[in-house]
N, C-alpha and C. Protein backbone atom coordinates (compact mmCIF):
# COMPACT_ATOMS: atom_id res chain seq x y z
N MET A 1 -127.99 166.43 127.28
CA MET A 1 -127.94 167.85 127.05
C MET A 1 -128.04 168.16 125.55
N GLU A 2 -127.39 167.37 124.71
CA GLU A 2 -127.41 167.64 123.28
C GLU A 2 -128.81 167.53 122.69
N ILE A 3 -129.56 166.55 123.12
CA ILE A 3 -130.92 166.39 122.61
C ILE A 3 -131.78 167.58 123.01
N ARG A 4 -131.64 168.03 124.24
CA ARG A 4 -132.40 169.22 124.68
C ARG A 4 -132.03 170.45 123.85
N LEU A 5 -130.76 170.58 123.51
CA LEU A 5 -130.32 171.70 122.68
C LEU A 5 -130.95 171.62 121.29
N ILE A 6 -130.94 170.46 120.69
CA ILE A 6 -131.55 170.29 119.37
C ILE A 6 -133.04 170.60 119.44
N GLU A 7 -133.70 170.10 120.48
CA GLU A 7 -135.14 170.28 120.62
C GLU A 7 -135.52 171.75 120.85
N ARG A 8 -134.57 172.60 121.18
CA ARG A 8 -134.86 174.03 121.29
C ARG A 8 -135.13 174.64 119.92
N PHE A 9 -134.60 173.99 118.86
CA PHE A 9 -134.73 174.52 117.51
C PHE A 9 -135.71 173.75 116.63
N THR A 10 -135.87 172.46 116.91
CA THR A 10 -136.79 171.63 116.12
C THR A 10 -137.17 170.40 116.91
N THR A 11 -138.29 169.84 116.57
CA THR A 11 -138.67 168.59 117.22
C THR A 11 -138.12 167.42 116.43
N LEU A 12 -137.77 166.36 117.11
CA LEU A 12 -137.29 165.15 116.46
C LEU A 12 -138.36 164.07 116.46
N LYS A 13 -139.38 164.25 117.26
CA LYS A 13 -140.43 163.25 117.39
C LYS A 13 -141.17 163.05 116.07
N GLY A 14 -141.19 161.81 115.60
CA GLY A 14 -141.90 161.46 114.39
C GLY A 14 -141.27 161.95 113.10
N ARG A 15 -140.06 162.43 113.15
CA ARG A 15 -139.40 163.03 111.98
C ARG A 15 -138.47 162.03 111.29
N ARG A 16 -138.23 162.26 110.01
CA ARG A 16 -137.23 161.52 109.23
C ARG A 16 -135.95 162.33 109.29
N ILE A 17 -134.90 161.71 109.85
CA ILE A 17 -133.70 162.46 110.20
C ILE A 17 -132.49 161.90 109.46
N LEU A 18 -131.68 162.80 108.92
CA LEU A 18 -130.36 162.48 108.39
C LEU A 18 -129.35 162.99 109.40
N GLU A 19 -128.51 162.11 109.90
CA GLU A 19 -127.43 162.55 110.79
C GLU A 19 -126.11 162.40 110.06
N VAL A 20 -125.44 163.51 109.86
CA VAL A 20 -124.16 163.55 109.15
C VAL A 20 -123.05 163.51 110.19
N GLY A 21 -122.15 162.54 110.04
CA GLY A 21 -121.06 162.40 111.00
C GLY A 21 -121.53 161.76 112.28
N CYS A 22 -122.20 160.62 112.16
CA CYS A 22 -122.79 159.97 113.34
C CYS A 22 -121.77 159.31 114.26
N GLY A 23 -120.56 159.12 113.78
CA GLY A 23 -119.54 158.49 114.63
C GLY A 23 -119.99 157.11 115.09
N ASP A 24 -119.84 156.84 116.36
CA ASP A 24 -120.20 155.52 116.90
C ASP A 24 -121.68 155.40 117.25
N GLY A 25 -122.46 156.44 116.95
CA GLY A 25 -123.90 156.39 117.18
C GLY A 25 -124.35 156.84 118.56
N ARG A 26 -123.44 157.37 119.34
CA ARG A 26 -123.79 157.79 120.70
C ARG A 26 -125.00 158.72 120.72
N LEU A 27 -124.99 159.74 119.91
CA LEU A 27 -126.12 160.67 119.84
C LEU A 27 -127.30 160.04 119.10
N THR A 28 -127.01 159.32 118.06
CA THR A 28 -128.05 158.69 117.23
C THR A 28 -129.03 157.89 118.07
N PHE A 29 -128.50 157.02 118.91
CA PHE A 29 -129.36 156.12 119.67
C PHE A 29 -130.07 156.82 120.82
N GLN A 30 -129.64 158.03 121.15
CA GLN A 30 -130.34 158.80 122.18
C GLN A 30 -131.67 159.34 121.66
N TYR A 31 -131.71 159.75 120.41
CA TYR A 31 -132.94 160.34 119.89
C TYR A 31 -133.72 159.40 118.97
N ALA A 32 -133.16 158.29 118.59
CA ALA A 32 -133.76 157.42 117.57
C ALA A 32 -135.16 156.93 117.94
N ARG A 33 -135.40 156.61 119.18
CA ARG A 33 -136.71 156.06 119.55
C ARG A 33 -137.83 157.08 119.36
N ALA A 34 -137.51 158.35 119.40
CA ALA A 34 -138.53 159.39 119.17
C ALA A 34 -138.75 159.65 117.68
N ALA A 35 -137.74 159.38 116.87
CA ALA A 35 -137.81 159.67 115.44
C ALA A 35 -138.64 158.65 114.68
N ARG A 36 -139.15 159.07 113.55
CA ARG A 36 -139.84 158.13 112.66
C ARG A 36 -138.83 157.19 112.03
N GLU A 37 -137.76 157.77 111.45
CA GLU A 37 -136.66 156.97 110.93
C GLU A 37 -135.40 157.82 110.90
N VAL A 38 -134.27 157.14 110.97
CA VAL A 38 -132.98 157.81 111.01
C VAL A 38 -132.05 157.17 109.99
N LEU A 39 -131.43 158.01 109.18
CA LEU A 39 -130.33 157.58 108.33
C LEU A 39 -129.10 158.28 108.87
N ALA A 40 -128.17 157.50 109.41
CA ALA A 40 -126.96 158.06 110.03
C ALA A 40 -125.76 157.65 109.19
N ILE A 41 -124.97 158.64 108.77
CA ILE A 41 -123.82 158.37 107.92
C ILE A 41 -122.54 158.88 108.56
N ASP A 42 -121.44 158.22 108.22
CA ASP A 42 -120.13 158.64 108.67
C ASP A 42 -119.10 158.08 107.70
N PRO A 43 -118.04 158.84 107.38
CA PRO A 43 -117.04 158.35 106.44
C PRO A 43 -115.97 157.46 107.08
N ALA A 44 -116.00 157.31 108.40
CA ALA A 44 -114.96 156.53 109.10
C ALA A 44 -115.44 155.10 109.34
N ARG A 45 -114.79 154.16 108.72
CA ARG A 45 -115.19 152.75 108.81
C ARG A 45 -115.25 152.25 110.25
N LEU A 46 -114.24 152.56 111.07
CA LEU A 46 -114.24 152.07 112.45
C LEU A 46 -115.41 152.64 113.26
N SER A 47 -115.75 153.88 113.00
CA SER A 47 -116.88 154.49 113.71
C SER A 47 -118.19 153.80 113.33
N ILE A 48 -118.39 153.57 112.05
CA ILE A 48 -119.61 152.89 111.61
C ILE A 48 -119.66 151.46 112.14
N GLU A 49 -118.53 150.79 112.18
CA GLU A 49 -118.51 149.43 112.74
C GLU A 49 -118.92 149.44 114.21
N ASP A 50 -118.43 150.42 114.97
CA ASP A 50 -118.84 150.55 116.37
C ASP A 50 -120.33 150.83 116.47
N ALA A 51 -120.84 151.71 115.60
CA ALA A 51 -122.27 152.04 115.61
C ALA A 51 -123.11 150.81 115.24
N LEU A 52 -122.64 150.02 114.29
CA LEU A 52 -123.36 148.80 113.90
C LEU A 52 -123.41 147.79 115.05
N ASP A 53 -122.32 147.69 115.80
CA ASP A 53 -122.32 146.81 116.98
C ASP A 53 -123.36 147.27 118.00
N GLU A 54 -123.40 148.56 118.24
CA GLU A 54 -124.38 149.12 119.20
C GLU A 54 -125.80 148.93 118.67
N HIS A 55 -125.96 149.14 117.38
CA HIS A 55 -127.27 148.96 116.73
C HIS A 55 -127.77 147.54 116.93
N ALA A 56 -126.90 146.57 116.75
CA ALA A 56 -127.28 145.16 116.93
C ALA A 56 -127.65 144.88 118.39
N ALA A 57 -126.93 145.50 119.31
CA ALA A 57 -127.20 145.27 120.73
C ALA A 57 -128.52 145.92 121.16
N LEU A 58 -128.80 147.10 120.65
CA LEU A 58 -130.01 147.85 121.05
C LEU A 58 -131.25 147.46 120.26
N ARG A 59 -131.05 146.90 119.08
CA ARG A 59 -132.16 146.50 118.21
C ARG A 59 -133.13 147.66 117.93
N VAL A 60 -132.60 148.75 117.48
CA VAL A 60 -133.41 149.92 117.14
C VAL A 60 -133.76 149.81 115.66
N ALA A 61 -135.01 149.48 115.38
CA ALA A 61 -135.44 149.13 114.02
C ALA A 61 -135.47 150.30 113.05
N ASN A 62 -135.61 151.51 113.54
CA ASN A 62 -135.77 152.65 112.63
C ASN A 62 -134.47 153.37 112.29
N VAL A 63 -133.33 152.77 112.60
CA VAL A 63 -132.04 153.39 112.31
C VAL A 63 -131.33 152.61 111.22
N THR A 64 -130.86 153.34 110.20
CA THR A 64 -130.02 152.78 109.15
C THR A 64 -128.68 153.48 109.23
N LEU A 65 -127.61 152.71 109.26
CA LEU A 65 -126.26 153.25 109.34
C LEU A 65 -125.53 152.96 108.03
N ARG A 66 -124.81 153.96 107.52
CA ARG A 66 -124.11 153.80 106.25
C ARG A 66 -122.70 154.40 106.35
N LEU A 67 -121.77 153.71 105.74
CA LEU A 67 -120.41 154.23 105.58
C LEU A 67 -120.44 155.14 104.35
N ARG A 68 -120.47 156.44 104.61
CA ARG A 68 -120.61 157.39 103.50
C ARG A 68 -120.30 158.79 104.01
N SER A 69 -119.72 159.59 103.14
CA SER A 69 -119.53 161.00 103.47
C SER A 69 -120.66 161.79 102.82
N ILE A 70 -120.89 162.98 103.30
CA ILE A 70 -121.97 163.80 102.76
C ILE A 70 -121.68 164.16 101.30
N GLU A 71 -120.41 164.19 100.93
CA GLU A 71 -120.06 164.48 99.54
C GLU A 71 -120.53 163.37 98.60
N GLN A 72 -120.74 162.18 99.13
CA GLN A 72 -121.23 161.05 98.33
C GLN A 72 -122.75 160.98 98.32
N TRP A 73 -123.41 161.91 98.95
CA TRP A 73 -124.87 161.89 99.04
C TRP A 73 -125.45 162.15 97.66
N PRO A 74 -126.42 161.35 97.24
CA PRO A 74 -127.03 161.57 95.93
C PRO A 74 -127.79 162.89 95.89
N ALA A 75 -127.86 163.47 94.70
CA ALA A 75 -128.56 164.74 94.54
C ALA A 75 -130.04 164.60 94.92
N ARG A 76 -130.59 163.43 94.66
CA ARG A 76 -131.99 163.18 95.01
C ARG A 76 -132.06 161.94 95.87
N GLY A 77 -132.99 161.94 96.75
CA GLY A 77 -133.16 160.79 97.62
C GLY A 77 -134.50 160.90 98.33
N ALA A 78 -134.68 160.06 99.30
CA ALA A 78 -135.92 160.09 100.07
C ALA A 78 -136.04 161.43 100.79
N PRO A 79 -137.26 161.93 100.95
CA PRO A 79 -137.44 163.19 101.66
C PRO A 79 -137.07 163.04 103.14
N LEU A 80 -136.50 164.09 103.68
CA LEU A 80 -136.09 164.13 105.08
C LEU A 80 -136.68 165.37 105.72
N ASP A 81 -136.89 165.29 107.03
CA ASP A 81 -137.43 166.43 107.76
C ASP A 81 -136.35 167.25 108.47
N VAL A 82 -135.32 166.57 108.94
CA VAL A 82 -134.28 167.22 109.74
C VAL A 82 -132.93 166.65 109.33
N ALA A 83 -131.95 167.53 109.20
CA ALA A 83 -130.57 167.08 109.01
C ALA A 83 -129.76 167.58 110.21
N LEU A 84 -129.05 166.65 110.83
CA LEU A 84 -128.20 166.99 111.98
C LEU A 84 -126.75 166.79 111.60
N PHE A 85 -125.94 167.73 112.00
CA PHE A 85 -124.49 167.61 111.82
C PHE A 85 -123.88 167.65 113.21
N ARG A 86 -123.43 166.52 113.66
CA ARG A 86 -123.00 166.36 115.04
C ARG A 86 -122.01 167.44 115.49
N TRP A 87 -121.07 167.79 114.65
CA TRP A 87 -120.04 168.74 115.07
C TRP A 87 -120.57 170.17 115.19
N SER A 88 -121.77 170.42 114.68
CA SER A 88 -122.32 171.77 114.83
C SER A 88 -122.82 172.03 116.24
N LEU A 89 -122.97 170.97 117.04
CA LEU A 89 -123.40 171.16 118.41
C LEU A 89 -122.26 171.67 119.25
């Protein structure tokens, strides 16, 4: 349902996506195969560790997971097409 809701506002297919607050990656891995690349961040170490375990199991090559809060995001970085904030859903 969440992916359909997002797709009502923007397409994820072929896009470079930043996901803020990815948690354990539950939503991340649902849309990742359609995306060009995904950078998913979360400030909670246990959540990122769970997401990394799932990442290893699923072998999704276009997903990068980082332990980081949005406040630590550099002022400049790689261009992105879509930013998702999980809690806004």
